[in-house]
Amino acid sequence: MRVIILILCCMGVLSACTQQDVINSGVSSPYHDCNMMDYMRGDTYNWELTVQMIEHAGLTDLFEGKVDTMPVITFWGIPSYSIQRFIFDSHENEDLTKVYTKVSDIPKSLCREFLLKHVTKGKILKEDIAYKNKEFEINESGQDGGTWITCLAGNRFIAYREGSDYAGVPDAGEVNLRCWSPSWGKIPMSSPDIQPTNGVVHALNYSYRLGHI
């Protein structure tokens, strides 16, 4: 079983590419006529374990838009592969109380902490994010571009837009959304601007390691 899980995790990593990767939901439109929770329930390939973690943490109302003080949210979406890899990696722990075989084995408080590190109040679309200052790397002191994001758990990272070249023309190609954490470095992105009725999901890449945000 562990071999099968490892193969699945490796497939996710190998699927990464240098341009903005895409969560393949089979639907080209970014708009979904349902709340965020129902959108993820309808795409078990990408979000099955994410849904399980949300339910286990007692945060279903937040993702269904039923919290009065936070009817709209931005979710920096944790894919199922990242949770599966976290469970697999737990088998290397010497402390057997921290070895998990399924989502419900993970302490509810830890699931809640993980999830709130990926949720921002309000709806932040890619177009709301500032461009990176091309004169500096994103982690250099002179960098004055991008947009700092503060999540419900209090962690902060910087999101930024970055153009790509096309046919030798600078910035004529696709505009990508990228993220960088002061603690963990690059946060691998996949599909931005998935829009259910109560906010937006910016799906993280399958190679994302849970909590590294």
N, C-alpha and C. Protein backbone atom coordinates (compact mmCIF):
# COMPACT_ATOMS: atom_id res chain seq x y z
N MET A 1 0.83 -1.21 0.00
CA MET A 1 0.00 0.00 0.00
C MET A 1 0.87 1.26 0.00
N ARG A 2 1.95 1.22 0.85
CA ARG A 2 2.83 2.39 0.90
C ARG A 2 3.51 2.64 -0.44
N VAL A 3 3.83 1.55 -1.16
CA VAL A 3 4.46 1.70 -2.48
C VAL A 3 3.50 2.38 -3.44
N ILE A 4 2.23 1.98 -3.39
CA ILE A 4 1.22 2.57 -4.28
C ILE A 4 1.07 4.05 -3.99
N ILE A 5 1.02 4.40 -2.69
CA ILE A 5 0.88 5.81 -2.31
C ILE A 5 2.06 6.61 -2.81
N LEU A 6 3.28 6.04 -2.65
CA LEU A 6 4.49 6.74 -3.09
C LEU A 6 4.47 6.98 -4.58
N ILE A 7 4.03 5.98 -5.34
CA ILE A 7 3.94 6.13 -6.79
C ILE A 7 3.00 7.26 -7.16
N LEU A 8 1.85 7.31 -6.47
CA LEU A 8 0.88 8.38 -6.75
C LEU A 8 1.47 9.74 -6.44
N CYS A 9 2.19 9.84 -5.32
CA CYS A 9 2.80 11.11 -4.95
C CYS A 9 3.83 11.54 -5.99
N CYS A 10 4.64 10.59 -6.45
CA CYS A 10 5.67 10.89 -7.44
C CYS A 10 5.05 11.34 -8.75
N MET A 11 3.92 10.74 -9.11
CA MET A 11 3.23 11.15 -10.32
C MET A 11 2.84 12.61 -10.24
N GLY A 12 2.38 13.03 -9.04
CA GLY A 12 2.00 14.42 -8.85
C GLY A 12 3.18 15.35 -9.01
N VAL A 13 4.34 14.96 -8.45
CA VAL A 13 5.52 15.80 -8.56
C VAL A 13 5.99 15.89 -10.00
N LEU A 14 5.99 14.76 -10.70
CA LEU A 14 6.46 14.73 -12.08
C LEU A 14 5.56 15.50 -13.02
N SER A 15 4.31 15.73 -12.60
CA SER A 15 3.39 16.46 -13.47
C SER A 15 3.64 17.96 -13.44
N ALA A 16 4.50 18.44 -12.52
CA ALA A 16 4.77 19.87 -12.42
C ALA A 16 5.53 20.34 -13.65
N CYS A 17 5.31 21.62 -14.03
CA CYS A 17 6.04 22.18 -15.15
C CYS A 17 6.39 23.62 -14.82
N THR A 18 7.16 24.26 -15.69
CA THR A 18 7.67 25.58 -15.38
C THR A 18 6.61 26.66 -15.53
N GLN A 19 5.64 26.49 -16.40
CA GLN A 19 4.58 27.47 -16.55
C GLN A 19 3.48 27.18 -15.54
N GLN A 20 2.44 28.04 -15.55
CA GLN A 20 1.35 27.86 -14.61
C GLN A 20 0.65 26.55 -14.91
N ASP A 21 0.72 25.61 -13.98
CA ASP A 21 0.08 24.32 -14.17
C ASP A 21 -1.42 24.46 -13.96
N VAL A 22 -2.16 23.45 -14.37
CA VAL A 22 -3.62 23.53 -14.34
C VAL A 22 -4.20 22.32 -13.65
N ILE A 23 -5.08 22.56 -12.68
CA ILE A 23 -5.87 21.48 -12.10
C ILE A 23 -6.92 21.09 -13.13
N ASN A 24 -6.89 19.86 -13.58
CA ASN A 24 -7.80 19.42 -14.63
C ASN A 24 -9.09 18.91 -14.02
N SER A 25 -10.12 19.76 -14.06
CA SER A 25 -11.41 19.37 -13.52
C SER A 25 -12.37 18.95 -14.63
N GLY A 26 -11.91 19.05 -15.89
CA GLY A 26 -12.76 18.70 -17.00
C GLY A 26 -13.69 19.83 -17.42
N VAL A 27 -13.61 20.98 -16.72
CA VAL A 27 -14.46 22.12 -17.03
C VAL A 27 -13.56 23.32 -17.29
N SER A 28 -13.75 23.99 -18.45
CA SER A 28 -12.86 25.08 -18.82
C SER A 28 -13.22 26.38 -18.12
N SER A 29 -14.48 26.59 -17.79
CA SER A 29 -14.89 27.83 -17.15
C SER A 29 -14.42 27.86 -15.71
N PRO A 30 -13.92 29.03 -15.24
CA PRO A 30 -13.49 29.13 -13.84
C PRO A 30 -14.65 29.33 -12.87
N TYR A 31 -15.85 29.55 -13.41
CA TYR A 31 -17.01 29.87 -12.57
C TYR A 31 -17.81 28.61 -12.25
N HIS A 32 -18.23 28.50 -11.00
CA HIS A 32 -18.99 27.33 -10.55
C HIS A 32 -20.21 27.80 -9.76
N ASP A 33 -21.38 27.35 -10.16
CA ASP A 33 -22.64 27.78 -9.54
C ASP A 33 -22.93 26.96 -8.29
N CYS A 34 -22.01 27.00 -7.36
CA CYS A 34 -22.16 26.28 -6.10
C CYS A 34 -21.16 26.86 -5.12
N ASN A 35 -21.31 26.53 -3.84
CA ASN A 35 -20.33 27.05 -2.89
C ASN A 35 -19.01 26.28 -3.00
N MET A 36 -18.01 26.77 -2.32
CA MET A 36 -16.66 26.21 -2.43
C MET A 36 -16.60 24.75 -2.01
N MET A 37 -17.31 24.42 -0.95
CA MET A 37 -17.30 23.05 -0.45
C MET A 37 -17.91 22.10 -1.48
N ASP A 38 -19.03 22.51 -2.07
CA ASP A 38 -19.68 21.65 -3.06
C ASP A 38 -18.84 21.53 -4.33
N TYR A 39 -18.14 22.61 -4.70
CA TYR A 39 -17.23 22.52 -5.84
C TYR A 39 -16.18 21.43 -5.60
N MET A 40 -15.59 21.43 -4.42
CA MET A 40 -14.55 20.43 -4.13
C MET A 40 -15.13 19.04 -3.97
N ARG A 41 -16.33 18.94 -3.41
CA ARG A 41 -16.99 17.63 -3.31
C ARG A 41 -17.23 17.03 -4.69
N GLY A 42 -17.43 17.89 -5.68
CA GLY A 42 -17.71 17.42 -7.03
C GLY A 42 -16.47 17.05 -7.83
N ASP A 43 -15.28 17.27 -7.26
CA ASP A 43 -14.02 16.95 -7.94
C ASP A 43 -13.16 16.11 -7.00
N THR A 44 -13.53 14.86 -6.84
CA THR A 44 -12.85 14.00 -5.88
C THR A 44 -11.40 13.71 -6.29
N TYR A 45 -11.11 13.76 -7.57
CA TYR A 45 -9.74 13.49 -8.01
C TYR A 45 -8.74 14.46 -7.38
N ASN A 46 -9.11 15.73 -7.35
CA ASN A 46 -8.21 16.75 -6.83
C ASN A 46 -8.42 17.11 -5.37
N TRP A 47 -9.65 16.91 -4.86
CA TRP A 47 -9.98 17.50 -3.56
C TRP A 47 -10.57 16.53 -2.54
N GLU A 48 -10.59 15.25 -2.80
CA GLU A 48 -11.27 14.31 -1.89
C GLU A 48 -10.73 14.41 -0.46
N LEU A 49 -9.43 14.35 -0.28
CA LEU A 49 -8.85 14.40 1.06
C LEU A 49 -8.94 15.80 1.66
N THR A 50 -8.97 16.81 0.80
CA THR A 50 -9.16 18.19 1.27
C THR A 50 -10.52 18.33 1.93
N VAL A 51 -11.54 17.79 1.28
CA VAL A 51 -12.90 17.81 1.84
C VAL A 51 -12.92 17.06 3.17
N GLN A 52 -12.29 15.91 3.21
CA GLN A 52 -12.25 15.14 4.46
C GLN A 52 -11.58 15.93 5.58
N MET A 53 -10.51 16.63 5.26
CA MET A 53 -9.80 17.41 6.28
C MET A 53 -10.66 18.56 6.78
N ILE A 54 -11.36 19.24 5.87
CA ILE A 54 -12.24 20.34 6.26
C ILE A 54 -13.34 19.85 7.19
N GLU A 55 -13.96 18.74 6.82
CA GLU A 55 -15.04 18.19 7.65
C GLU A 55 -14.50 17.73 9.00
N HIS A 56 -13.36 17.09 9.00
CA HIS A 56 -12.75 16.59 10.25
C HIS A 56 -12.38 17.74 11.18
N ALA A 57 -11.97 18.87 10.60
CA ALA A 57 -11.56 20.04 11.39
C ALA A 57 -12.74 20.87 11.87
N GLY A 58 -13.94 20.54 11.41
CA GLY A 58 -15.12 21.30 11.82
C GLY A 58 -15.23 22.66 11.14
N LEU A 59 -14.70 22.77 9.93
CA LEU A 59 -14.69 24.05 9.21
C LEU A 59 -15.60 24.06 7.99
N THR A 60 -16.54 23.13 7.94
CA THR A 60 -17.43 23.04 6.78
C THR A 60 -18.19 24.34 6.55
N ASP A 61 -18.72 24.95 7.61
CA ASP A 61 -19.49 26.18 7.46
C ASP A 61 -18.66 27.29 6.81
N LEU A 62 -17.39 27.37 7.15
CA LEU A 62 -16.52 28.40 6.57
C LEU A 62 -16.42 28.24 5.07
N PHE A 63 -16.28 27.00 4.61
CA PHE A 63 -16.11 26.75 3.19
C PHE A 63 -17.45 26.70 2.43
N GLU A 64 -18.54 26.66 3.17
CA GLU A 64 -19.86 26.73 2.54
C GLU A 64 -20.42 28.15 2.54
N GLY A 65 -19.66 29.10 3.08
CA GLY A 65 -20.10 30.49 3.11
C GLY A 65 -21.16 30.78 4.15
N LYS A 66 -21.18 29.99 5.22
CA LYS A 66 -22.23 30.13 6.24
C LYS A 66 -21.75 30.83 7.51
N VAL A 67 -20.53 31.37 7.49
CA VAL A 67 -20.03 32.14 8.63
C VAL A 67 -20.35 33.61 8.37
N ASP A 68 -21.20 34.21 9.21
CA ASP A 68 -21.70 35.56 8.97
C ASP A 68 -20.60 36.59 8.80
N THR A 69 -19.54 36.46 9.59
CA THR A 69 -18.46 37.45 9.53
C THR A 69 -17.49 37.20 8.39
N MET A 70 -17.66 36.09 7.70
CA MET A 70 -16.73 35.74 6.62
C MET A 70 -17.46 34.97 5.52
N PRO A 71 -18.44 35.61 4.86
CA PRO A 71 -19.21 34.89 3.84
C PRO A 71 -18.42 34.59 2.57
N VAL A 72 -17.33 35.33 2.37
CA VAL A 72 -16.51 35.16 1.16
C VAL A 72 -15.05 34.97 1.59
N ILE A 73 -14.39 33.97 1.02
CA ILE A 73 -13.00 33.68 1.38
C ILE A 73 -12.16 33.39 0.14
N THR A 74 -10.86 33.49 0.33
CA THR A 74 -9.89 33.02 -0.66
C THR A 74 -9.19 31.80 -0.07
N PHE A 75 -9.21 30.70 -0.81
CA PHE A 75 -8.57 29.46 -0.36
C PHE A 75 -7.39 29.16 -1.25
N TRP A 76 -6.22 29.15 -0.65
CA TRP A 76 -5.00 28.73 -1.35
C TRP A 76 -5.00 27.21 -1.26
N GLY A 77 -5.63 26.60 -2.26
CA GLY A 77 -6.14 25.24 -2.18
C GLY A 77 -5.12 24.13 -2.02
N ILE A 78 -5.28 23.37 -0.94
CA ILE A 78 -4.43 22.21 -0.67
C ILE A 78 -4.95 21.02 -1.48
N PRO A 79 -4.21 20.49 -2.43
CA PRO A 79 -4.70 19.34 -3.19
C PRO A 79 -4.60 18.05 -2.38
N SER A 80 -5.40 17.07 -2.75
CA SER A 80 -5.40 15.78 -2.06
C SER A 80 -4.00 15.16 -2.00
N TYR A 81 -3.24 15.30 -3.09
CA TYR A 81 -1.90 14.70 -3.13
C TYR A 81 -1.02 15.20 -1.99
N SER A 82 -1.14 16.48 -1.65
CA SER A 82 -0.32 17.03 -0.57
C SER A 82 -0.67 16.41 0.77
N ILE A 83 -1.95 16.18 0.99
CA ILE A 83 -2.39 15.55 2.23
C ILE A 83 -1.97 14.09 2.25
N GLN A 84 -2.09 13.41 1.10
CA GLN A 84 -1.67 12.01 1.02
C GLN A 84 -0.18 11.88 1.30
N ARG A 85 0.62 12.82 0.79
CA ARG A 85 2.06 12.78 1.03
C ARG A 85 2.36 13.01 2.51
N PHE A 86 1.61 13.92 3.14
CA PHE A 86 1.81 14.18 4.57
C PHE A 86 1.52 12.91 5.38
N ILE A 87 0.46 12.21 5.03
CA ILE A 87 0.12 10.96 5.72
C ILE A 87 1.22 9.92 5.49
N PHE A 88 1.67 9.80 4.26
CA PHE A 88 2.74 8.84 3.95
C PHE A 88 4.02 9.16 4.72
N ASP A 89 4.39 10.44 4.73
CA ASP A 89 5.62 10.85 5.42
C ASP A 89 5.55 10.63 6.92
N SER A 90 4.33 10.63 7.47
CA SER A 90 4.18 10.45 8.92
C SER A 90 4.68 9.07 9.37
N HIS A 91 4.76 8.13 8.47
CA HIS A 91 5.21 6.78 8.83
C HIS A 91 6.71 6.73 9.13
N GLU A 92 7.39 7.84 8.88
CA GLU A 92 8.81 7.93 9.24
C GLU A 92 9.00 8.45 10.66
N ASN A 93 7.91 8.88 11.31
CA ASN A 93 8.01 9.42 12.67
C ASN A 93 8.30 8.30 13.68
N GLU A 94 9.20 8.57 14.60
CA GLU A 94 9.46 7.61 15.68
C GLU A 94 8.34 7.63 16.71
N ASP A 95 7.69 8.78 16.85
CA ASP A 95 6.56 8.91 17.77
C ASP A 95 5.32 8.31 17.10
N LEU A 96 4.89 7.16 17.58
CA LEU A 96 3.78 6.44 16.94
C LEU A 96 2.46 7.20 17.02
N THR A 97 2.36 8.15 17.96
CA THR A 97 1.12 8.94 18.05
C THR A 97 1.02 9.93 16.90
N LYS A 98 2.11 10.09 16.15
CA LYS A 98 2.12 11.01 15.02
C LYS A 98 2.22 10.25 13.69
N VAL A 99 1.83 8.99 13.71
CA VAL A 99 1.77 8.18 12.49
C VAL A 99 0.31 8.05 12.10
N TYR A 100 0.00 8.44 10.85
CA TYR A 100 -1.39 8.47 10.40
C TYR A 100 -1.58 7.57 9.18
N THR A 101 -2.75 6.98 9.08
CA THR A 101 -3.09 6.18 7.90
C THR A 101 -4.25 6.78 7.12
N LYS A 102 -4.96 7.71 7.73
CA LYS A 102 -6.08 8.38 7.06
C LYS A 102 -6.27 9.75 7.68
N VAL A 103 -7.05 10.59 7.02
CA VAL A 103 -7.23 11.97 7.48
C VAL A 103 -7.79 12.03 8.89
N SER A 104 -8.72 11.16 9.21
CA SER A 104 -9.36 11.20 10.53
C SER A 104 -8.40 10.82 11.66
N ASP A 105 -7.22 10.27 11.33
CA ASP A 105 -6.20 9.99 12.34
C ASP A 105 -5.46 11.25 12.77
N ILE A 106 -5.44 12.25 11.91
CA ILE A 106 -4.72 13.50 12.20
C ILE A 106 -5.53 14.29 13.23
N PRO A 107 -4.90 14.81 14.28
CA PRO A 107 -5.65 15.58 15.28
C PRO A 107 -6.46 16.71 14.65
N LYS A 108 -7.68 16.89 15.12
CA LYS A 108 -8.55 17.93 14.57
C LYS A 108 -7.89 19.30 14.66
N SER A 109 -7.21 19.56 15.77
CA SER A 109 -6.57 20.86 15.95
C SER A 109 -5.48 21.10 14.91
N LEU A 110 -4.76 20.04 14.53
CA LEU A 110 -3.72 20.18 13.52
C LEU A 110 -4.33 20.40 12.14
N CYS A 111 -5.41 19.69 11.84
CA CYS A 111 -6.11 19.91 10.56
C CYS A 111 -6.62 21.34 10.47
N ARG A 112 -7.18 21.83 11.56
CA ARG A 112 -7.69 23.20 11.59
C ARG A 112 -6.55 24.21 11.36
N GLU A 113 -5.43 23.96 12.02
CA GLU A 113 -4.27 24.84 11.86
C GLU A 113 -3.79 24.85 10.41
N PHE A 114 -3.66 23.67 9.82
CA PHE A 114 -3.24 23.59 8.42
C PHE A 114 -4.18 24.39 7.51
N LEU A 115 -5.47 24.17 7.67
CA LEU A 115 -6.44 24.80 6.78
C LEU A 115 -6.46 26.32 6.93
N LEU A 116 -6.43 26.82 8.17
CA LEU A 116 -6.49 28.26 8.38
C LEU A 116 -5.23 28.97 7.89
N LYS A 117 -4.15 28.23 7.71
CA LYS A 117 -2.94 28.79 7.10
C LYS A 117 -3.13 29.04 5.61
N HIS A 118 -4.22 28.52 5.05
CA HIS A 118 -4.46 28.62 3.61
C HIS A 118 -5.71 29.42 3.27
N VAL A 119 -6.29 30.09 4.25
CA VAL A 119 -7.53 30.84 4.02
C VAL A 119 -7.31 32.32 4.32
N THR A 120 -7.77 33.17 3.41
CA THR A 120 -7.72 34.62 3.58
C THR A 120 -9.14 35.17 3.52
N LYS A 121 -9.44 36.12 4.37
CA LYS A 121 -10.76 36.75 4.37
C LYS A 121 -10.94 37.56 3.10
N GLY A 122 -12.12 37.46 2.48
CA GLY A 122 -12.41 38.20 1.27
C GLY A 122 -11.98 37.45 0.02
N LYS A 123 -12.30 38.04 -1.12
CA LYS A 123 -12.03 37.42 -2.42
C LYS A 123 -10.87 38.15 -3.09
N ILE A 124 -9.76 37.47 -3.23
CA ILE A 124 -8.57 38.04 -3.86
C ILE A 124 -8.31 37.31 -5.17
N LEU A 125 -8.59 37.96 -6.28
CA LEU A 125 -8.37 37.37 -7.60
C LEU A 125 -6.94 37.64 -8.06
N LYS A 126 -6.53 36.92 -9.09
CA LYS A 126 -5.20 37.14 -9.65
C LYS A 126 -5.01 38.59 -10.07
N GLU A 127 -6.05 39.19 -10.63
CA GLU A 127 -5.95 40.56 -11.11
C GLU A 127 -5.79 41.57 -9.97
N ASP A 128 -6.09 41.16 -8.74
CA ASP A 128 -5.93 42.04 -7.59
C ASP A 128 -4.49 42.03 -7.05
N ILE A 129 -3.69 41.12 -7.54
CA ILE A 129 -2.32 40.95 -7.07
C ILE A 129 -1.37 41.82 -7.89
N ALA A 130 -0.46 42.51 -7.21
CA ALA A 130 0.49 43.38 -7.90
C ALA A 130 1.58 42.57 -8.61
N TYR A 131 2.12 43.16 -9.65
CA TYR A 131 3.23 42.53 -10.37
C TYR A 131 4.51 42.59 -9.53
N LYS A 132 5.37 41.64 -9.74
CA LYS A 132 6.71 41.66 -9.17
C LYS A 132 7.54 42.75 -9.85
N ASN A 133 8.38 43.42 -9.08
CA ASN A 133 9.36 44.34 -9.65
C ASN A 133 10.46 43.50 -10.30
N LYS A 134 10.55 43.58 -11.61
CA LYS A 134 11.47 42.72 -12.36
C LYS A 134 12.95 43.02 -12.09
N GLU A 135 13.21 44.15 -11.46
CA GLU A 135 14.60 44.51 -11.19
C GLU A 135 15.21 43.69 -10.05
N PHE A 136 14.34 43.03 -9.27
CA PHE A 136 14.82 42.29 -8.10
C PHE A 136 14.18 40.91 -8.05
N GLU A 137 14.88 39.98 -7.43
CA GLU A 137 14.27 38.70 -7.10
C GLU A 137 13.22 38.93 -6.02
N ILE A 138 12.28 38.02 -5.90
CA ILE A 138 11.15 38.25 -5.00
C ILE A 138 11.59 38.34 -3.54
N ASN A 139 12.72 37.70 -3.20
CA ASN A 139 13.18 37.70 -1.81
C ASN A 139 14.29 38.71 -1.54
N GLU A 140 14.57 39.61 -2.49
CA GLU A 140 15.60 40.61 -2.28
C GLU A 140 15.04 41.84 -1.58
N SER A 141 15.90 42.53 -0.85
CA SER A 141 15.44 43.65 -0.02
C SER A 141 14.87 44.81 -0.85
N GLY A 142 15.29 44.96 -2.09
CA GLY A 142 14.78 46.04 -2.92
C GLY A 142 13.44 45.74 -3.58
N GLN A 143 12.92 44.55 -3.38
CA GLN A 143 11.66 44.15 -4.02
C GLN A 143 10.48 44.91 -3.41
N ASP A 144 9.83 45.73 -4.23
CA ASP A 144 8.68 46.50 -3.75
C ASP A 144 7.40 46.15 -4.49
N GLY A 145 7.43 45.03 -5.23
CA GLY A 145 6.24 44.59 -5.94
C GLY A 145 5.52 43.49 -5.19
N GLY A 146 4.52 42.92 -5.82
CA GLY A 146 3.76 41.85 -5.19
C GLY A 146 2.79 42.36 -4.14
N THR A 147 2.04 41.44 -3.57
CA THR A 147 1.04 41.76 -2.56
C THR A 147 1.20 40.82 -1.38
N TRP A 148 1.35 41.37 -0.19
CA TRP A 148 1.46 40.53 1.00
C TRP A 148 0.09 39.99 1.39
N ILE A 149 0.03 38.70 1.64
CA ILE A 149 -1.20 38.00 1.99
C ILE A 149 -1.11 37.56 3.46
N THR A 150 -2.15 37.87 4.23
CA THR A 150 -2.22 37.41 5.62
C THR A 150 -3.37 36.42 5.75
N CYS A 151 -3.07 35.23 6.22
CA CYS A 151 -4.08 34.18 6.35
C CYS A 151 -4.67 34.17 7.76
N LEU A 152 -5.75 33.42 7.94
CA LEU A 152 -6.47 33.41 9.21
C LEU A 152 -5.64 32.87 10.36
N ALA A 153 -4.63 32.07 10.07
CA ALA A 153 -3.75 31.55 11.12
C ALA A 153 -2.66 32.55 11.50
N GLY A 154 -2.59 33.67 10.77
CA GLY A 154 -1.60 34.70 11.07
C GLY A 154 -0.34 34.63 10.23
N ASN A 155 -0.15 33.55 9.48
CA ASN A 155 1.03 33.45 8.60
C ASN A 155 0.89 34.39 7.42
N ARG A 156 2.03 34.85 6.90
CA ARG A 156 2.03 35.79 5.78
C ARG A 156 2.97 35.30 4.68
N PHE A 157 2.57 35.56 3.45
CA PHE A 157 3.43 35.27 2.31
C PHE A 157 3.15 36.32 1.25
N ILE A 158 3.99 36.36 0.24
CA ILE A 158 3.81 37.34 -0.81
C ILE A 158 3.34 36.65 -2.09
N ALA A 159 2.27 37.18 -2.67
CA ALA A 159 1.77 36.72 -3.97
C ALA A 159 2.13 37.78 -5.00
N TYR A 160 2.41 37.34 -6.21
CA TYR A 160 2.78 38.32 -7.23
C TYR A 160 2.46 37.78 -8.62
N ARG A 161 2.23 38.71 -9.52
CA ARG A 161 2.05 38.35 -10.92
C ARG A 161 3.38 38.53 -11.65
N GLU A 162 3.57 37.65 -12.62
CA GLU A 162 4.81 37.70 -13.40
C GLU A 162 4.50 37.32 -14.84
N GLY A 163 4.87 38.20 -15.76
CA GLY A 163 4.65 37.92 -17.17
C GLY A 163 5.69 36.96 -17.72
N SER A 164 5.38 36.37 -18.85
CA SER A 164 6.31 35.46 -19.53
C SER A 164 6.51 35.94 -20.97
N ASP A 165 7.60 35.51 -21.55
CA ASP A 165 7.90 35.91 -22.93
C ASP A 165 7.12 35.05 -23.92
N TYR A 166 6.86 35.62 -25.08
CA TYR A 166 6.20 34.87 -26.15
C TYR A 166 6.84 35.26 -27.48
N ALA A 167 7.32 34.26 -28.20
CA ALA A 167 7.96 34.48 -29.51
C ALA A 167 9.08 35.52 -29.40
N GLY A 168 9.80 35.48 -28.29
CA GLY A 168 10.91 36.39 -28.11
C GLY A 168 10.54 37.77 -27.62
N VAL A 169 9.24 38.01 -27.42
CA VAL A 169 8.79 39.33 -26.96
C VAL A 169 8.59 39.30 -25.45
N PRO A 170 9.31 40.13 -24.70
CA PRO A 170 9.19 40.12 -23.24
C PRO A 170 7.77 40.43 -22.77
N ASP A 171 7.29 39.66 -21.83
CA ASP A 171 5.99 39.88 -21.17
C ASP A 171 4.80 39.82 -22.12
N ALA A 172 4.99 39.19 -23.28
CA ALA A 172 3.87 39.08 -24.23
C ALA A 172 3.10 37.79 -24.04
N GLY A 173 3.59 36.91 -23.18
CA GLY A 173 2.94 35.63 -22.98
C GLY A 173 2.01 35.60 -21.78
N GLU A 174 1.80 34.42 -21.26
CA GLU A 174 0.88 34.22 -20.15
C GLU A 174 1.36 34.95 -18.90
N VAL A 175 0.40 35.51 -18.15
CA VAL A 175 0.71 36.12 -16.86
C VAL A 175 0.42 35.09 -15.77
N ASN A 176 1.44 34.76 -15.00
CA ASN A 176 1.32 33.72 -13.98
C ASN A 176 1.18 34.32 -12.59
N LEU A 177 0.44 33.62 -11.74
CA LEU A 177 0.36 33.96 -10.33
C LEU A 177 1.35 33.09 -9.59
N ARG A 178 2.22 33.72 -8.81
CA ARG A 178 3.23 32.99 -8.06
C ARG A 178 3.20 33.44 -6.60
N CYS A 179 3.72 32.59 -5.72
CA CYS A 179 3.74 32.90 -4.30
C CYS A 179 5.08 32.51 -3.70
N TRP A 180 5.46 33.26 -2.67
CA TRP A 180 6.74 33.01 -2.01
C TRP A 180 6.58 33.21 -0.51
N SER A 181 7.04 32.26 0.27
CA SER A 181 6.95 32.31 1.73
C SER A 181 8.30 32.67 2.33
N PRO A 182 8.36 33.64 3.27
CA PRO A 182 9.62 33.95 3.93
C PRO A 182 10.21 32.76 4.68
N SER A 183 9.34 31.85 5.11
CA SER A 183 9.79 30.68 5.88
C SER A 183 10.16 29.49 5.01
N TRP A 184 9.45 29.32 3.89
CA TRP A 184 9.60 28.09 3.11
C TRP A 184 10.05 28.30 1.68
N GLY A 185 10.11 29.55 1.22
CA GLY A 185 10.50 29.80 -0.15
C GLY A 185 9.32 29.68 -1.11
N LYS A 186 9.58 29.18 -2.30
CA LYS A 186 8.55 29.10 -3.35
C LYS A 186 7.38 28.23 -2.91
N ILE A 187 6.17 28.74 -3.14
CA ILE A 187 4.94 27.97 -2.93
C ILE A 187 4.44 27.57 -4.31
N PRO A 188 4.52 26.31 -4.69
CA PRO A 188 4.16 25.92 -6.06
C PRO A 188 2.68 26.08 -6.35
N MET A 189 2.38 26.84 -7.39
CA MET A 189 0.99 27.12 -7.76
C MET A 189 0.54 26.23 -8.92
N SER A 190 -0.77 26.08 -9.02
CA SER A 190 -1.35 25.36 -10.14
C SER A 190 -2.36 26.27 -10.84
N SER A 191 -3.64 26.14 -10.53
CA SER A 191 -4.68 26.89 -11.23
C SER A 191 -5.23 28.02 -10.37
N PRO A 192 -5.10 29.28 -10.79
CA PRO A 192 -5.69 30.39 -10.05
C PRO A 192 -7.12 30.66 -10.49
N ASP A 193 -7.81 31.45 -9.69
CA ASP A 193 -9.11 32.03 -10.06
C ASP A 193 -10.23 31.03 -10.32
N ILE A 194 -10.26 29.93 -9.59
CA ILE A 194 -11.42 29.04 -9.62
C ILE A 194 -12.48 29.69 -8.74
N GLN A 195 -13.65 30.00 -9.31
CA GLN A 195 -14.58 30.87 -8.60
C GLN A 195 -15.94 30.23 -8.34
N PRO A 196 -16.12 29.60 -7.18
CA PRO A 196 -17.45 29.21 -6.72
C PRO A 196 -18.18 30.46 -6.22
N THR A 197 -19.36 30.28 -5.66
CA THR A 197 -20.19 31.44 -5.32
C THR A 197 -19.73 32.20 -4.08
N ASN A 198 -18.92 31.60 -3.25
CA ASN A 198 -18.54 32.26 -1.99
C ASN A 198 -17.04 32.53 -1.89
N GLY A 199 -16.42 32.81 -3.03
CA GLY A 199 -15.01 33.18 -2.98
C GLY A 199 -14.22 32.66 -4.17
N VAL A 200 -12.95 32.42 -3.93
CA VAL A 200 -12.06 31.97 -5.00
C VAL A 200 -11.07 30.95 -4.45
N VAL A 201 -10.73 29.99 -5.29
CA VAL A 201 -9.72 28.98 -4.97
C VAL A 201 -8.53 29.18 -5.90
N HIS A 202 -7.35 29.34 -5.32
CA HIS A 202 -6.11 29.31 -6.09
C HIS A 202 -5.46 27.97 -5.77
N ALA A 203 -5.61 27.02 -6.66
CA ALA A 203 -5.15 25.66 -6.39
C ALA A 203 -3.63 25.59 -6.38
N LEU A 204 -3.09 24.99 -5.33
CA LEU A 204 -1.66 24.76 -5.25
C LEU A 204 -1.29 23.51 -6.04
N ASN A 205 -0.04 23.43 -6.42
CA ASN A 205 0.45 22.31 -7.23
C ASN A 205 0.48 21.01 -6.43
N TYR A 206 0.40 19.89 -7.13
CA TYR A 206 0.48 18.58 -6.48
C TYR A 206 1.78 18.40 -5.69
N SER A 207 2.83 19.13 -6.08
CA SER A 207 4.12 19.00 -5.40
C SER A 207 4.18 19.80 -4.09
N TYR A 208 3.15 20.56 -3.79
CA TYR A 208 3.15 21.37 -2.57
C TYR A 208 3.19 20.49 -1.32
N ARG A 209 4.06 20.84 -0.38
CA ARG A 209 4.18 20.11 0.88
C ARG A 209 3.32 20.80 1.93
N LEU A 210 2.44 20.05 2.53
CA LEU A 210 1.44 20.58 3.45
C LEU A 210 2.09 21.40 4.57
N GLY A 211 1.60 22.62 4.74
CA GLY A 211 2.08 23.50 5.79
C GLY A 211 3.20 24.42 5.40
N HIS A 212 3.78 24.23 4.21
CA HIS A 212 4.91 25.05 3.77
C HIS A 212 4.41 26.31 3.07
N ILE A 213 3.73 27.16 3.84
CA ILE A 213 3.12 28.37 3.29
C ILE A 213 3.29 29.51 4.28
